[in-house]
PDB file of all heavy atoms in Angstrom:
ATOM      1  N   ASP A   1      12.260 -16.300 -60.012  1.00  0.00           N
ATOM      2  CA  ASP A   1      12.673 -16.164 -58.612  1.00  0.00           C
ATOM      3  C   ASP A   1      14.172 -15.909 -58.466  1.00  0.00           C
ATOM      4  O   ASP A   1      14.603 -15.219 -57.542  1.00  0.00           O
ATOM      5  CB  ASP A   1      12.313 -17.435 -57.832  1.00  0.00           C
ATOM      6  CG  ASP A   1      10.834 -17.506 -57.491  1.00  0.00           C
ATOM      7  OD1 ASP A   1      10.201 -16.441 -57.410  1.00  0.00           O
ATOM      8  OD2 ASP A   1      10.311 -18.618 -57.315  1.00  0.00           O
ATOM      9  N   SER A   2      14.966 -16.480 -59.358  1.00  0.00           N
ATOM     10  CA  SER A   2      16.417 -16.471 -59.168  1.00  0.00           C
ATOM     11  C   SER A   2      17.136 -15.352 -59.905  1.00  0.00           C
ATOM     12  O   SER A   2      18.133 -14.832 -59.407  1.00  0.00           O
ATOM     13  CB  SER A   2      17.003 -17.816 -59.621  1.00  0.00           C
ATOM     14  OG  SER A   2      16.406 -18.894 -58.936  1.00  0.00           O
ATOM     15  N   PHE A   3      16.652 -14.990 -61.097  1.00  0.00           N
ATOM     16  CA  PHE A   3      17.462 -14.110 -61.928  1.00  0.00           C
ATOM     17  C   PHE A   3      16.733 -12.881 -62.461  1.00  0.00           C
ATOM     18  O   PHE A   3      17.168 -11.751 -62.238  1.00  0.00           O
ATOM     19  CB  PHE A   3      18.014 -14.909 -63.130  1.00  0.00           C
ATOM     20  CG  PHE A   3      18.765 -16.148 -62.733  1.00  0.00           C
ATOM     21  CD1 PHE A   3      18.200 -17.405 -62.923  1.00  0.00           C
ATOM     22  CD2 PHE A   3      20.031 -16.057 -62.176  1.00  0.00           C
ATOM     23  CE1 PHE A   3      18.887 -18.542 -62.565  1.00  0.00           C
ATOM     24  CE2 PHE A   3      20.728 -17.197 -61.812  1.00  0.00           C
ATOM     25  CZ  PHE A   3      20.154 -18.449 -62.005  1.00  0.00           C
ATOM     26  N   PHE A   4      15.624 -13.066 -63.173  1.00  0.00           N
ATOM     27  CA  PHE A   4      15.090 -11.992 -64.000  1.00  0.00           C
ATOM     28  C   PHE A   4      13.865 -11.289 -63.435  1.00  0.00           C
ATOM     29  O   PHE A   4      13.530 -10.193 -63.891  1.00  0.00           O
ATOM     30  CB  PHE A   4      14.746 -12.546 -65.392  1.00  0.00           C
ATOM     31  CG  PHE A   4      15.894 -13.254 -66.047  1.00  0.00           C
ATOM     32  CD1 PHE A   4      15.857 -14.627 -66.252  1.00  0.00           C
ATOM     33  CD2 PHE A   4      17.024 -12.558 -66.435  1.00  0.00           C
ATOM     34  CE1 PHE A   4      16.920 -15.276 -66.847  1.00  0.00           C
ATOM     35  CE2 PHE A   4      18.092 -13.208 -67.035  1.00  0.00           C
ATOM     36  CZ  PHE A   4      18.040 -14.572 -67.241  1.00  0.00           C
ATOM     37  N   GLY A   5      13.164 -11.889 -62.490  1.00  0.00           N
ATOM     38  CA  GLY A   5      11.938 -11.299 -61.986  1.00  0.00           C
ATOM     39  C   GLY A   5      10.746 -11.713 -62.830  1.00  0.00           C
ATOM     40  O   GLY A   5      10.883 -12.137 -63.987  1.00  0.00           O
ATOM     41  N   ASN A   6       9.550 -11.581 -62.254  1.00  0.00           N
ATOM     42  CA  ASN A   6       8.336 -12.062 -62.914  1.00  0.00           C
ATOM     43  C   ASN A   6       8.008 -11.290 -64.187  1.00  0.00           C
ATOM     44  O   ASN A   6       7.647 -11.878 -65.210  1.00  0.00           O
ATOM     45  CB  ASN A   6       7.151 -11.963 -61.948  1.00  0.00           C
ATOM     46  CG  ASN A   6       7.321 -12.857 -60.743  1.00  0.00           C
ATOM     47  OD1 ASN A   6       7.676 -14.013 -60.877  1.00  0.00           O
ATOM     48  ND2 ASN A   6       7.062 -12.323 -59.564  1.00  0.00           N
ATOM     49  N   PHE A   7       8.112  -9.975 -64.117  1.00  0.00           N
ATOM     50  CA  PHE A   7       7.704  -9.157 -65.260  1.00  0.00           C
ATOM     51  C   PHE A   7       8.522  -9.494 -66.504  1.00  0.00           C
ATOM     52  O   PHE A   7       7.967  -9.653 -67.598  1.00  0.00           O
ATOM     53  CB  PHE A   7       7.848  -7.673 -64.908  1.00  0.00           C
ATOM     54  CG  PHE A   7       7.322  -6.747 -65.965  1.00  0.00           C
ATOM     55  CD1 PHE A   7       5.977  -6.382 -65.976  1.00  0.00           C
ATOM     56  CD2 PHE A   7       8.162  -6.252 -66.955  1.00  0.00           C
ATOM     57  CE1 PHE A   7       5.488  -5.530 -66.971  1.00  0.00           C
ATOM     58  CE2 PHE A   7       7.673  -5.405 -67.940  1.00  0.00           C
ATOM     59  CZ  PHE A   7       6.332  -5.047 -67.945  1.00  0.00           C
ATOM     60  N   SER A   8       9.817  -9.607 -66.343  1.00  0.00           N
ATOM     61  CA  SER A   8      10.678  -9.893 -67.489  1.00  0.00           C
ATOM     62  C   SER A   8      10.402 -11.271 -68.066  1.00  0.00           C
ATOM     63  O   SER A   8      10.375 -11.453 -69.289  1.00  0.00           O
ATOM     64  CB  SER A   8      12.155  -9.791 -67.076  1.00  0.00           C
ATOM     65  OG  SER A   8      12.474  -8.492 -66.635  1.00  0.00           O
ATOM     66  N   VAL A   9      10.182 -12.261 -67.196  1.00  0.00           N
ATOM     67  CA  VAL A   9       9.913 -13.615 -67.660  1.00  0.00           C
ATOM     68  C   VAL A   9       8.604 -13.663 -68.445  1.00  0.00           C
ATOM     69  O   VAL A   9       8.512 -14.311 -69.497  1.00  0.00           O
ATOM     70  CB  VAL A   9       9.870 -14.605 -66.472  1.00  0.00           C
ATOM     71  CG1 VAL A   9       9.300 -15.955 -66.896  1.00  0.00           C
ATOM     72  CG2 VAL A   9      11.267 -14.790 -65.898  1.00  0.00           C
ATOM     73  N   ILE A  10       7.578 -12.964 -67.947  1.00  0.00           N
ATOM     74  CA  ILE A  10       6.289 -12.943 -68.648  1.00  0.00           C
ATOM     75  C   ILE A  10       6.421 -12.259 -70.003  1.00  0.00           C
ATOM     76  O   ILE A  10       5.896 -12.747 -71.017  1.00  0.00           O
ATOM     77  CB  ILE A  10       5.225 -12.228 -67.793  1.00  0.00           C
ATOM     78  CG1 ILE A  10       4.922 -13.041 -66.532  1.00  0.00           C
ATOM     79  CG2 ILE A  10       3.937 -12.013 -68.597  1.00  0.00           C
ATOM     80  CD1 ILE A  10       4.047 -12.324 -65.543  1.00  0.00           C
ATOM     81  N   ALA A  11       7.128 -11.136 -70.047  1.00  0.00           N
ATOM     82  CA  ALA A  11       7.281 -10.402 -71.296  1.00  0.00           C
ATOM     83  C   ALA A  11       7.996 -11.241 -72.351  1.00  0.00           C
ATOM     84  O   ALA A  11       7.550 -11.349 -73.500  1.00  0.00           O
ATOM     85  CB  ALA A  11       8.040  -9.096 -71.050  1.00  0.00           C
ATOM     86  N   VAL A  12       9.106 -11.869 -71.965  1.00  0.00           N
ATOM     87  CA  VAL A  12       9.871 -12.693 -72.908  1.00  0.00           C
ATOM     88  C   VAL A  12       9.073 -13.930 -73.315  1.00  0.00           C
ATOM     89  O   VAL A  12       9.048 -14.313 -74.491  1.00  0.00           O
ATOM     90  CB  VAL A  12      11.223 -13.090 -72.298  1.00  0.00           C
ATOM     91  CG1 VAL A  12      11.957 -14.069 -73.204  1.00  0.00           C
ATOM     92  CG2 VAL A  12      12.091 -11.859 -72.055  1.00  0.00           C
ATOM     93  N   SER A  13       8.399 -14.560 -72.352  1.00  0.00           N
ATOM     94  CA  SER A  13       7.602 -15.749 -72.655  1.00  0.00           C
ATOM     95  C   SER A  13       6.475 -15.422 -73.622  1.00  0.00           C
ATOM     96  O   SER A  13       6.163 -16.215 -74.522  1.00  0.00           O
ATOM     97  CB  SER A  13       7.024 -16.338 -71.367  1.00  0.00           C
ATOM     98  OG  SER A  13       8.051 -16.760 -70.491  1.00  0.00           O
ATOM     99  N   SER A  14       5.854 -14.266 -73.440  1.00  0.00           N
ATOM    100  CA  SER A  14       4.784 -13.858 -74.338  1.00  0.00           C
ATOM    101  C   SER A  14       5.289 -13.672 -75.765  1.00  0.00           C
ATOM    102  O   SER A  14       4.592 -13.983 -76.732  1.00  0.00           O
ATOM    103  CB  SER A  14       4.140 -12.555 -73.846  1.00  0.00           C
ATOM    104  OG  SER A  14       3.550 -12.738 -72.573  1.00  0.00           O
ATOM    105  N   LEU A  15       6.519 -13.189 -75.880  1.00  0.00           N
ATOM    106  CA  LEU A  15       7.110 -13.053 -77.207  1.00  0.00           C
ATOM    107  C   LEU A  15       7.338 -14.429 -77.839  1.00  0.00           C
ATOM    108  O   LEU A  15       7.141 -14.609 -79.048  1.00  0.00           O
ATOM    109  CB  LEU A  15       8.431 -12.283 -77.121  1.00  0.00           C
ATOM    110  CG  LEU A  15       8.316 -10.803 -76.756  1.00  0.00           C
ATOM    111  CD1 LEU A  15       9.698 -10.167 -76.620  1.00  0.00           C
ATOM    112  CD2 LEU A  15       7.503 -10.056 -77.809  1.00  0.00           C
ATOM    113  N   PHE A  16       7.763 -15.405 -77.036  1.00  0.00           N
ATOM    114  CA  PHE A  16       7.900 -16.775 -77.531  1.00  0.00           C
ATOM    115  C   PHE A  16       6.552 -17.294 -78.040  1.00  0.00           C
ATOM    116  O   PHE A  16       6.472 -17.938 -79.092  1.00  0.00           O
ATOM    117  CB  PHE A  16       8.443 -17.698 -76.437  1.00  0.00           C
ATOM    118  CG  PHE A  16       9.934 -17.695 -76.309  1.00  0.00           C
ATOM    119  CD1 PHE A  16      10.553 -17.245 -75.155  1.00  0.00           C
ATOM    120  CD2 PHE A  16      10.729 -18.152 -77.349  1.00  0.00           C
ATOM    121  CE1 PHE A  16      11.933 -17.240 -75.032  1.00  0.00           C
ATOM    122  CE2 PHE A  16      12.113 -18.154 -77.251  1.00  0.00           C
ATOM    123  CZ  PHE A  16      12.724 -17.686 -76.090  1.00  0.00           C
ATOM    124  N   SER A  17       5.502 -17.037 -77.265  1.00  0.00           N
ATOM    125  CA  SER A  17       4.164 -17.481 -77.672  1.00  0.00           C
ATOM    126  C   SER A  17       3.762 -16.855 -79.000  1.00  0.00           C
ATOM    127  O   SER A  17       3.204 -17.533 -79.878  1.00  0.00           O
ATOM    128  CB  SER A  17       3.126 -17.121 -76.596  1.00  0.00           C
ATOM    129  OG  SER A  17       3.322 -17.863 -75.420  1.00  0.00           O
ATOM    130  N   LEU A  18       4.042 -15.557 -79.141  1.00  0.00           N
ATOM    131  CA  LEU A  18       3.698 -14.875 -80.387  1.00  0.00           C
ATOM    132  C   LEU A  18       4.461 -15.461 -81.572  1.00  0.00           C
ATOM    133  O   LEU A  18       3.893 -15.681 -82.648  1.00  0.00           O
ATOM    134  CB  LEU A  18       3.984 -13.377 -80.253  1.00  0.00           C
ATOM    135  CG  LEU A  18       3.076 -12.588 -79.310  1.00  0.00           C
ATOM    136  CD1 LEU A  18       3.494 -11.131 -79.255  1.00  0.00           C
ATOM    137  CD2 LEU A  18       1.628 -12.698 -79.749  1.00  0.00           C
ATOM    138  N   MET A  19       5.754 -15.721 -81.377  1.00  0.00           N
ATOM    139  CA  MET A  19       6.543 -16.311 -82.464  1.00  0.00           C
ATOM    140  C   MET A  19       6.009 -17.694 -82.823  1.00  0.00           C
ATOM    141  O   MET A  19       5.926 -18.055 -84.008  1.00  0.00           O
ATOM    142  CB  MET A  19       8.018 -16.380 -82.057  1.00  0.00           C
ATOM    143  CG  MET A  19       8.712 -15.036 -82.015  1.00  0.00           C
ATOM    144  SD  MET A  19      10.513 -15.167 -81.794  1.00  0.00           S
ATOM    145  CE  MET A  19      10.597 -15.846 -80.119  1.00  0.00           C
ATOM    146  N   GLY A  20       5.641 -18.467 -81.801  1.00  0.00           N
ATOM    147  CA  GLY A  20       5.091 -19.792 -82.055  1.00  0.00           C
ATOM    148  C   GLY A  20       3.784 -19.731 -82.824  1.00  0.00           C
ATOM    149  O   GLY A  20       3.564 -20.500 -83.769  1.00  0.00           O
ATOM    150  N   LEU A  21       2.907 -18.795 -82.432  1.00  0.00           N
ATOM    151  CA  LEU A  21       1.620 -18.667 -83.112  1.00  0.00           C
ATOM    152  C   LEU A  21       1.776 -18.120 -84.531  1.00  0.00           C
ATOM    153  O   LEU A  21       1.016 -18.486 -85.440  1.00  0.00           O
ATOM    154  CB  LEU A  21       0.692 -17.762 -82.298  1.00  0.00           C
ATOM    155  CG  LEU A  21       0.003 -18.424 -81.106  1.00  0.00           C
ATOM    156  CD1 LEU A  21      -0.759 -17.383 -80.294  1.00  0.00           C
ATOM    157  CD2 LEU A  21      -0.931 -19.527 -81.567  1.00  0.00           C
ATOM    158  N   ILE A  22       2.760 -17.245 -84.729  1.00  0.00           N
ATOM    159  CA  ILE A  22       3.014 -16.742 -86.082  1.00  0.00           C
ATOM    160  C   ILE A  22       3.452 -17.888 -86.992  1.00  0.00           C
ATOM    161  O   ILE A  22       2.980 -18.019 -88.138  1.00  0.00           O
ATOM    162  CB  ILE A  22       4.070 -15.618 -86.047  1.00  0.00           C
ATOM    163  CG1 ILE A  22       3.487 -14.359 -85.387  1.00  0.00           C
ATOM    164  CG2 ILE A  22       4.549 -15.288 -87.462  1.00  0.00           C
ATOM    165  CD1 ILE A  22       4.513 -13.276 -85.131  1.00  0.00           C
ATOM    166  N   LEU A  23       4.361 -18.740 -86.496  1.00  0.00           N
ATOM    167  CA  LEU A  23       4.779 -19.908 -87.278  1.00  0.00           C
ATOM    168  C   LEU A  23       3.609 -20.848 -87.529  1.00  0.00           C
ATOM    169  O   LEU A  23       3.456 -21.405 -88.628  1.00  0.00           O
ATOM    170  CB  LEU A  23       5.903 -20.652 -86.547  1.00  0.00           C
ATOM    171  CG  LEU A  23       7.339 -20.223 -86.831  1.00  0.00           C
ATOM    172  CD1 LEU A  23       8.306 -21.084 -86.033  1.00  0.00           C
ATOM    173  CD2 LEU A  23       7.654 -20.307 -88.310  1.00  0.00           C
ATOM    174  N   PHE A  24       2.788 -21.032 -86.496  1.00  0.00           N
ATOM    175  CA  PHE A  24       1.614 -21.898 -86.643  1.00  0.00           C
ATOM    176  C   PHE A  24       0.650 -21.320 -87.678  1.00  0.00           C
ATOM    177  O   PHE A  24       0.028 -22.057 -88.451  1.00  0.00           O
ATOM    178  CB  PHE A  24       0.927 -22.061 -85.282  1.00  0.00           C
ATOM    179  CG  PHE A  24      -0.008 -23.236 -85.213  1.00  0.00           C
ATOM    180  CD1 PHE A  24       0.339 -24.462 -85.742  1.00  0.00           C
ATOM    181  CD2 PHE A  24      -1.250 -23.118 -84.607  1.00  0.00           C
ATOM    182  CE1 PHE A  24      -0.515 -25.548 -85.666  1.00  0.00           C
ATOM    183  CE2 PHE A  24      -2.120 -24.188 -84.529  1.00  0.00           C
ATOM    184  CZ  PHE A  24      -1.744 -25.410 -85.065  1.00  0.00           C
ATOM    185  N   MET A  25       0.543 -19.998 -87.688  1.00  0.00           N
ATOM    186  CA  MET A  25      -0.309 -19.329 -88.671  1.00  0.00           C
ATOM    187  C   MET A  25       0.202 -19.587 -90.078  1.00  0.00           C
ATOM    188  O   MET A  25      -0.577 -19.820 -91.015  1.00  0.00           O
ATOM    189  CB  MET A  25      -0.341 -17.824 -88.378  1.00  0.00           C
ATOM    190  CG  MET A  25      -1.370 -17.052 -89.193  1.00  0.00           C
ATOM    191  SD  MET A  25      -3.057 -17.473 -88.700  1.00  0.00           S
ATOM    192  CE  MET A  25      -3.983 -16.387 -89.783  1.00  0.00           C
ATOM    193  N   PHE A  26       1.528 -19.552 -90.256  1.00  0.00           N
ATOM    194  CA  PHE A  26       2.101 -19.877 -91.557  1.00  0.00           C
ATOM    195  C   PHE A  26       1.766 -21.309 -91.960  1.00  0.00           C
ATOM    196  O   PHE A  26       1.440 -21.592 -93.122  1.00  0.00           O
ATOM    197  CB  PHE A  26       3.627 -19.693 -91.529  1.00  0.00           C
ATOM    198  CG  PHE A  26       4.063 -18.258 -91.576  1.00  0.00           C
ATOM    199  CD1 PHE A  26       5.199 -17.848 -90.901  1.00  0.00           C
ATOM    200  CD2 PHE A  26       3.344 -17.311 -92.293  1.00  0.00           C
ATOM    201  CE1 PHE A  26       5.609 -16.531 -90.937  1.00  0.00           C
ATOM    202  CE2 PHE A  26       3.748 -15.984 -92.341  1.00  0.00           C
ATOM    203  CZ  PHE A  26       4.883 -15.593 -91.655  1.00  0.00           C
ATOM    204  N   THR A  27       1.842 -22.218 -90.991  1.00  0.00           N
ATOM    205  CA  THR A  27       1.531 -23.617 -91.268  1.00  0.00           C
ATOM    206  C   THR A  27       0.090 -23.781 -91.731  1.00  0.00           C
ATOM    207  O   THR A  27      -0.208 -24.591 -92.609  1.00  0.00           O
ATOM    208  CB  THR A  27       1.767 -24.470 -89.991  1.00  0.00           C
ATOM    209  OG1 THR A  27       3.137 -24.370 -89.605  1.00  0.00           O
ATOM    210  CG2 THR A  27       1.439 -25.926 -90.242  1.00  0.00           C
ATOM    211  N   VAL A  28      -0.799 -22.995 -91.129  1.00  0.00           N
ATOM    212  CA  VAL A  28      -2.226 -23.096 -91.457  1.00  0.00           C
ATOM    213  C   VAL A  28      -2.543 -22.462 -92.800  1.00  0.00           C
ATOM    214  O   VAL A  28      -3.372 -22.979 -93.563  1.00  0.00           O
ATOM    215  CB  VAL A  28      -3.065 -22.429 -90.340  1.00  0.00           C
ATOM    216  CG1 VAL A  28      -4.520 -22.301 -90.765  1.00  0.00           C
ATOM    217  CG2 VAL A  28      -2.963 -23.244 -89.053  1.00  0.00           C
ATOM    218  N   THR A  29      -1.885 -21.344 -93.113  1.00  0.00           N
ATOM    219  CA  THR A  29      -2.272 -20.559 -94.287  1.00  0.00           C
ATOM    220  C   THR A  29      -1.442 -20.831 -95.533  1.00  0.00           C
ATOM    221  O   THR A  29      -1.899 -20.552 -96.649  1.00  0.00           O
ATOM    222  CB  THR A  29      -2.190 -19.054 -93.955  1.00  0.00           C
ATOM    223  OG1 THR A  29      -0.860 -18.737 -93.507  1.00  0.00           O
ATOM    224  CG2 THR A  29      -3.188 -18.685 -92.873  1.00  0.00           C
ATOM    225  N   VAL A  30      -0.224 -21.344 -95.373  1.00  0.00           N
ATOM    226  CA  VAL A  30       0.644 -21.600 -96.531  1.00  0.00           C
ATOM    227  C   VAL A  30       0.539 -23.076 -96.925  1.00  0.00           C
ATOM    228  O   VAL A  30       0.986 -23.955 -96.183  1.00  0.00           O
ATOM    229  CB  VAL A  30       2.110 -21.235 -96.211  1.00  0.00           C
ATOM    230  CG1 VAL A  30       3.004 -21.513 -97.423  1.00  0.00           C
ATOM    231  CG2 VAL A  30       2.216 -19.772 -95.791  1.00  0.00           C
ATOM    232  N   PRO A  31      -0.053 -23.388 -98.084  1.00  0.00           N
ATOM    233  CA  PRO A  31      -0.264 -24.789 -98.481  1.00  0.00           C
ATOM    234  C   PRO A  31       1.015 -25.611 -98.556  1.00  0.00           C
ATOM    235  O   PRO A  31       1.005 -26.810 -98.245  1.00  0.00           O
ATOM    236  CB  PRO A  31      -0.921 -24.653 -99.864  1.00  0.00           C
ATOM    237  CG  PRO A  31      -1.567 -23.308 -99.849  1.00  0.00           C
ATOM    238  CD  PRO A  31      -0.652 -22.450 -99.043  1.00  0.00           C
TER     239      PRO A  31
END
């Protein structure tokens, strides 16, 4: 609402989610 607009916030947040899931994937697959 204040700075970046909805589209930009969703795009950046989705990238955070992807990075988090990639790290989680490493945790699951790397003994």
